[in-house]
Protein backbone atom coordinates (compact mmCIF):
# COMPACT_ATOMS: atom_id res chain seq x y z
CA MET A 1 75.21 108.84 147.26
CA ASP A 2 72.23 106.42 148.67
CA ASP A 3 73.25 103.31 149.93
CA ASP A 4 70.49 101.81 147.77
CA ASP A 5 71.59 103.21 144.54
CA TRP A 6 73.76 100.64 143.26
CA ALA A 7 70.89 98.49 143.05
CA ALA A 8 69.16 100.62 139.81
CA ASP A 9 72.22 99.25 138.11
CA LEU A 10 71.77 96.47 138.49
CA VAL A 11 68.27 96.18 137.32
CA LEU A 12 69.43 98.19 134.29
CA ALA A 13 72.36 95.96 133.45
CA PRO A 14 69.82 92.98 131.92
CA LEU A 15 67.91 95.54 130.29
CA THR A 16 70.61 96.89 128.59
CA GLY A 17 72.29 93.96 127.44
CA LYS A 18 68.76 92.94 125.77
CA LEU A 19 68.60 96.81 123.99
CA LYS A 20 71.97 96.24 122.56
CA GLN A 21 70.91 92.86 121.24
CA GLN A 22 67.58 94.40 120.03
CA ALA A 23 69.86 96.95 118.36
CA HIS A 24 72.43 94.67 116.29
CA ASP A 25 69.59 92.57 115.28
CA ALA A 26 68.09 95.61 113.39
CA PHE A 27 71.15 97.33 112.55
CA ASP A 28 73.59 94.06 111.18
CA PRO A 29 71.81 93.35 108.62
CA LEU A 30 72.08 96.68 106.85
CA TRP A 31 75.87 95.71 106.41
CA ARG A 32 75.58 91.92 106.70
CA SER A 33 73.10 91.61 103.49
CA GLY A 34 75.96 93.48 101.55
CA LEU A 35 74.07 97.00 101.52
CA VAL A 36 77.08 98.42 102.38
CA SER A 37 80.56 97.85 103.79
CA ARG A 38 80.58 97.74 108.10
CA LYS A 39 82.19 100.53 107.79
CA LEU A 40 79.81 102.94 106.00
CA ALA A 41 76.89 101.05 108.15
CA TYR A 42 78.62 102.46 111.00
CA GLU A 43 79.77 105.76 109.92
CA MET A 44 75.77 106.40 108.94
CA LEU A 45 74.64 105.84 111.95
CA ALA A 46 76.81 108.10 113.55
CA ALA A 47 75.62 109.90 111.41
CA ALA A 48 72.10 109.38 111.85
CA LEU A 49 72.17 109.61 115.90
CA GLY A 50 74.32 112.95 116.02
CA VAL A 51 77.71 111.00 117.35
CA ARG A 52 80.91 110.50 116.47
CA GLU A 53 81.35 107.06 114.78
CA PRO A 54 83.54 105.48 117.73
CA MET A 55 80.17 106.09 119.95
CA ALA A 56 78.02 104.36 117.18
CA HIS A 57 79.17 101.02 118.60
CA MET A 58 76.61 99.69 120.66
CA LYS A 59 78.92 98.11 123.46
CA VAL A 60 79.54 101.95 124.38
CA MET A 61 76.24 103.19 123.37
CA SER A 62 74.07 104.70 125.57
CA ARG A 63 70.60 103.52 126.29
CA GLU A 64 68.51 106.32 124.69
CA ASN A 65 70.56 106.10 121.83
CA LEU A 66 70.10 101.70 122.19
CA ILE A 67 66.37 102.25 121.93
CA ARG A 68 66.93 105.02 118.70
CA VAL A 69 68.40 102.26 116.78
CA PRO A 70 66.11 99.67 115.63
CA LYS A 71 64.31 102.54 113.70
CA ILE A 72 66.79 104.23 112.51
CA ALA A 73 68.36 100.73 111.17
CA GLU A 74 64.63 100.37 109.27
CA ARG A 75 65.35 103.38 107.75
CA LEU A 76 68.68 102.74 106.62
CA ILE A 77 68.06 99.54 105.11
CA GLY A 78 64.73 101.06 103.20
CA MET A 79 66.81 103.82 101.69
CA MET A 80 69.63 101.89 101.02
CA LYS A 81 67.22 99.06 99.22
CA ARG A 82 65.99 101.80 97.17
CA VAL A 83 69.25 103.18 95.79
CA LYS A 84 70.67 100.17 94.94
CA GLU A 85 67.12 99.43 92.83
């Protein structure tokens, strides 16, 4: 391991925090609005990401999946609004 490798994590930590917040801001309206239950929302997100439900929570999600969440959330919200019409 290179002595400078640890510094990369320090730089990514704030970016990951911002990605987590952006993911929550996009995803949480799916269940907070009452379109679906919180449990179902996370099950739907897990299916869309191709992961098990425990890995669909932002606190444990990979950076790559955090980046995918806003687009997925937009599609899920649109789909559920059409179903509710």
